[in-house]
Protein backbone atom coordinates (compact mmCIF):
# COMPACT_ATOMS: atom_id res chain seq x y z
CA MET A 1 -70.08 -50.92 46.12
CA GLU A 2 -70.10 -47.35 46.04
CA ILE A 3 -67.68 -47.13 48.73
CA ARG A 4 -65.23 -49.30 46.83
CA PHE A 5 -65.59 -46.83 43.92
CA GLN A 6 -64.73 -44.19 46.32
CA ARG A 7 -61.63 -45.62 47.62
CA VAL A 8 -60.37 -46.45 44.39
CA PHE A 9 -60.77 -42.94 43.13
CA LEU A 10 -59.10 -41.50 46.16
CA THR A 11 -56.15 -44.06 45.78
CA VAL A 12 -55.66 -42.87 42.01
CA TRP A 13 -56.16 -39.20 42.87
CA VAL A 14 -53.52 -39.37 45.90
CA LEU A 15 -50.91 -41.16 43.54
CA LEU A 16 -51.41 -38.52 40.69
CA SER A 17 -51.12 -35.80 43.28
CA VAL A 18 -47.95 -37.30 44.43
CA PHE A 19 -46.53 -37.72 40.91
CA ALA A 20 -47.23 -34.15 40.12
CA PHE A 21 -45.51 -32.81 43.23
CA ASN A 22 -42.32 -34.97 42.57
CA SER A 23 -42.22 -33.67 38.81
CA ASN A 24 -42.45 -30.14 40.13
CA ALA A 25 -39.86 -30.68 42.68
CA ALA A 26 -37.53 -32.19 40.09
CA ASP A 27 -38.07 -29.17 37.90
CA GLU A 28 -37.05 -26.77 40.42
CA SER A 29 -34.22 -28.66 41.55
CA ILE A 30 -32.85 -28.82 37.80
CA SER A 31 -33.64 -25.09 37.63
CA ASN A 32 -31.71 -24.28 40.73
CA THR A 33 -28.89 -26.47 39.48
CA ASP A 34 -28.72 -24.36 36.41
CA LEU A 35 -28.49 -21.26 38.19
CA LYS A 36 -25.82 -22.49 40.23
CA ILE A 37 -23.43 -23.41 37.31
CA LYS A 38 -20.92 -21.00 36.14
CA ALA A 39 -19.40 -21.13 32.55
CA ASP A 40 -15.86 -21.97 32.62
CA ILE A 41 -14.94 -20.10 29.47
CA GLU A 42 -11.40 -18.81 28.72
CA ARG A 43 -11.74 -15.15 27.97
CA ARG A 44 -9.05 -13.32 25.63
CA ILE A 45 -8.13 -9.71 25.85
CA VAL A 46 -8.73 -8.11 22.47
CA LEU A 47 -6.92 -4.83 21.81
CA ASP A 48 -8.19 -2.75 18.50
CA ASP A 49 -5.08 -1.78 16.67
CA VAL A 50 -4.70 1.93 16.16
CA LEU A 51 -4.99 2.55 12.49
CA ASP A 52 -2.70 5.38 11.46
CA ASN A 53 -3.77 7.86 9.31
CA GLU A 54 -0.56 9.74 8.24
CA ASN A 55 -1.17 12.18 5.10
CA PHE A 56 2.33 13.06 4.44
CA GLU A 57 5.05 11.17 2.82
CA VAL A 58 8.90 11.57 2.01
CA GLY A 59 10.97 9.18 0.15
CA PHE A 60 14.31 8.73 -1.30
CA GLN A 61 15.16 6.28 -4.46
CA ALA A 62 18.01 5.09 -6.59
CA GLY A 63 18.25 3.55 -9.72
CA VAL A 64 19.09 4.05 -13.40
CA ILE A 65 17.62 6.15 -16.09
CA ALA A 66 18.23 5.88 -19.86
CA ILE A 67 19.04 9.14 -21.28
CA GLU A 68 18.20 8.80 -25.05
CA ASP A 69 20.98 9.25 -27.30
CA PHE A 70 23.10 9.77 -24.06
CA GLU A 71 23.40 6.32 -22.54
CA SER A 72 22.28 4.94 -19.20
CA SER A 73 23.28 6.95 -15.96
CA ALA A 74 23.09 6.50 -12.24
CA TRP A 75 19.79 8.16 -10.83
CA LEU A 76 19.28 9.80 -7.44
CA SER A 77 15.77 11.24 -6.62
CA GLY A 78 13.59 12.40 -3.69
CA HIS A 79 9.80 13.21 -3.27
CA PHE A 80 7.27 14.86 -0.91
CA ALA A 81 3.96 13.76 -1.37
CA TYR A 82 0.30 14.64 0.43
CA HIS A 83 -2.31 11.98 0.49
CA ILE A 84 -5.43 14.02 -0.44
CA THR A 85 -7.88 10.94 0.13
CA GLU A 86 -7.39 7.34 0.47
CA PHE A 87 -7.01 6.83 -3.33
CA PHE A 88 -5.55 10.52 -4.71
CA TYR A 89 -2.53 11.98 -3.84
CA VAL A 90 -0.04 14.65 -5.30
CA LYS A 91 3.71 14.36 -5.10
CA ALA A 92 6.61 16.64 -5.66
CA ASN A 93 9.77 15.31 -7.30
CA TYR A 94 13.39 16.20 -7.82
CA GLY A 95 15.87 13.70 -9.39
CA LYS A 96 19.44 14.22 -10.95
CA ALA A 97 21.77 12.00 -13.44
CA LYS A 98 24.54 12.61 -15.89
CA GLY A 99 24.52 12.10 -19.48
CA GLY A 100 27.31 9.78 -21.24
CA GLU A 101 28.73 10.12 -24.70
CA THR A 102 26.44 9.51 -27.91
CA SER A 103 27.31 6.95 -30.25
CA PHE A 104 28.28 9.80 -32.67
CA GLU A 105 30.93 10.95 -30.19
CA LYS A 106 32.23 7.70 -29.70
CA LEU A 107 32.88 6.70 -33.13
CA THR A 108 34.26 9.90 -34.34
CA ASN A 109 37.05 12.43 -33.23
CA THR A 110 35.26 15.43 -33.25
CA ALA A 111 34.64 17.79 -30.44
CA PRO A 112 32.10 16.75 -27.72
CA LEU A 113 28.54 17.83 -28.52
CA LEU A 114 28.24 18.94 -24.99
CA THR A 115 30.07 20.08 -21.92
CA ASP A 116 30.37 18.40 -18.72
CA GLU A 117 27.80 21.09 -17.11
CA GLN A 118 25.33 20.63 -19.94
CA ARG A 119 25.21 16.91 -19.62
CA GLU A 120 23.79 17.15 -16.07
CA PHE A 121 20.15 16.03 -16.26
CA THR A 122 17.99 17.73 -13.70
CA TYR A 123 14.24 17.16 -13.31
CA TYR A 124 11.69 18.81 -10.87
CA GLY A 125 8.00 18.74 -11.29
CA LEU A 126 4.51 17.67 -9.88
CA ASN A 127 2.49 14.61 -10.12
CA ILE A 128 -0.86 13.61 -9.21
CA GLY A 129 -1.24 9.76 -8.51
CA TYR A 130 -3.94 7.25 -7.88
CA ASN A 131 -3.92 4.00 -5.81
CA LEU A 132 -5.53 1.07 -7.23
CA MET A 133 -5.12 -2.89 -6.54
CA PRO A 134 -4.30 -3.23 -3.06
CA GLY A 135 -2.96 -6.61 -1.89
CA GLU A 136 -0.59 -8.54 0.36
CA VAL A 137 3.03 -9.84 0.12
CA PHE A 138 3.49 -13.18 2.06
CA LEU A 139 6.92 -14.10 3.29
CA GLY A 140 6.59 -17.62 4.42
CA ARG A 141 3.83 -18.57 6.62
CA ASP A 142 4.14 -16.04 9.40
CA TYR A 143 4.64 -12.43 7.59
CA ALA A 144 2.41 -10.73 5.44
CA PHE A 145 2.79 -7.15 4.17
CA ASN A 146 0.20 -4.82 2.70
CA SER A 147 1.36 -3.74 -0.88
CA LEU A 148 -0.28 -1.14 -3.16
CA PHE A 149 0.22 -0.41 -6.86
CA SER A 150 -0.40 3.23 -7.93
CA ILE A 151 0.01 4.98 -11.28
CA GLU A 152 1.14 8.60 -11.70
CA LEU A 153 0.96 11.48 -14.36
CA GLY A 154 2.66 14.45 -13.91
CA ALA A 155 4.49 17.55 -15.44
CA GLY A 156 7.47 19.48 -14.95
CA SER A 157 10.91 20.89 -16.49
CA THR A 158 14.25 19.14 -17.11
CA GLU A 159 17.44 20.84 -17.58
CA PHE A 160 19.63 19.28 -19.74
CA ALA A 161 22.02 20.34 -22.77
CA GLY A 162 21.62 23.89 -21.59
CA ASP A 163 17.86 24.26 -22.04
CA ASP A 164 14.91 23.92 -19.71
CA ASN A 165 12.72 21.56 -21.49
CA PHE A 166 8.87 20.88 -20.64
CA THR A 167 8.66 17.58 -19.54
CA VAL A 168 5.69 15.18 -19.17
CA ASN A 169 5.95 12.05 -17.24
CA ILE A 170 4.23 8.89 -16.40
CA THR A 171 5.07 6.74 -13.71
CA ALA A 172 4.17 3.12 -12.23
CA ASN A 173 4.85 2.58 -8.63
CA TYR A 174 4.64 -0.58 -6.55
CA ARG A 175 4.84 -0.31 -2.54
CA VAL A 176 5.18 -2.89 0.26
CA PHE A 177 4.44 -1.51 3.44
CA MET A 178 6.94 -2.75 5.98
CA THR A 179 5.39 -0.91 8.93
CA ASP A 180 2.56 1.76 9.44
CA TYR A 181 5.07 4.21 8.56
CA LEU A 182 7.68 2.82 6.21
CA ALA A 183 7.38 1.33 2.97
CA TRP A 184 9.84 -0.20 0.02
CA ASP A 185 8.87 1.15 -3.26
CA ILE A 186 9.69 0.22 -7.00
CA GLY A 187 8.98 2.51 -9.74
CA MET A 188 9.35 2.90 -13.53
CA THR A 189 8.89 6.32 -15.17
CA ASP A 190 9.08 7.65 -18.57
CA TYR A 191 10.11 11.17 -18.83
CA ILE A 192 9.09 12.63 -22.30
CA PHE A 193 10.29 16.04 -23.67
CA ASP A 194 11.66 17.64 -27.08
CA THR A 195 15.30 18.20 -27.58
CA LYS A 196 17.27 19.76 -30.28
CA VAL A 197 20.71 18.37 -29.39
CA ILE A 198 21.57 16.57 -32.50
CA GLY A 199 20.21 19.24 -34.53
CA GLU A 200 16.87 18.66 -35.14
CA THR A 201 13.74 18.56 -32.65
CA LYS A 202 12.64 15.29 -31.57
CA THR A 203 10.79 13.82 -28.86
CA THR A 204 12.69 11.66 -26.41
CA HIS A 205 11.61 8.86 -24.03
CA ASN A 206 13.83 8.78 -20.95
CA LEU A 207 13.14 5.49 -19.08
CA ASN A 208 13.73 5.71 -15.50
CA PHE A 209 13.90 2.51 -12.96
CA THR A 210 14.17 3.22 -9.27
CA THR A 211 13.98 1.53 -6.09
CA GLY A 212 13.88 3.26 -2.48
CA ILE A 213 11.99 3.78 0.72
CA SER A 214 9.34 6.15 1.89
CA PHE A 215 8.48 7.58 5.27
CA TYR A 216 4.50 8.42 6.32
CA PHE A 217 4.17 11.02 8.89
């Protein structure tokens, strides 16, 4: 009887040993197979875009200015700017126009109030600007351009009617960056100064609308 139990015990032990050996062998086989498998992943070459950090800007604009009491006239201007930080910049401006006739001159046959030389409207000054509201302009599905809205406050001098008039200006400017060095800008400015052309001192508001291009370097 005892011998029968021993045989049964040995048989069970052998079977368990064989099962454990086969299990370990299968695990090793799977492990070796995993080590031999190579991932077939399509790799992409990613190039980091070089971010330009141009601090200087030069631009040219054309538009129209409504010289108070002297009609609207064509306007040409240019500027040179230095960007101090991402948000603040300083800008030197120069612009020219020519005043027309007043309503008084048109309705009466009196002598002109100003000579042709005195009708030359010339402004030069310095502005400080602040960039805000960055965004994007989308042209269809495939094209997107960075954009920026900025405000400026400046002061300078306006030569008009034979006088040099201290002038304050307030400007709103919208720029669309076509490339990293070229921008298309649209601006609106109010040139404010006192004048005595019509016989009494008055504060005039001379609204200016422009569009042009700017280069960054």
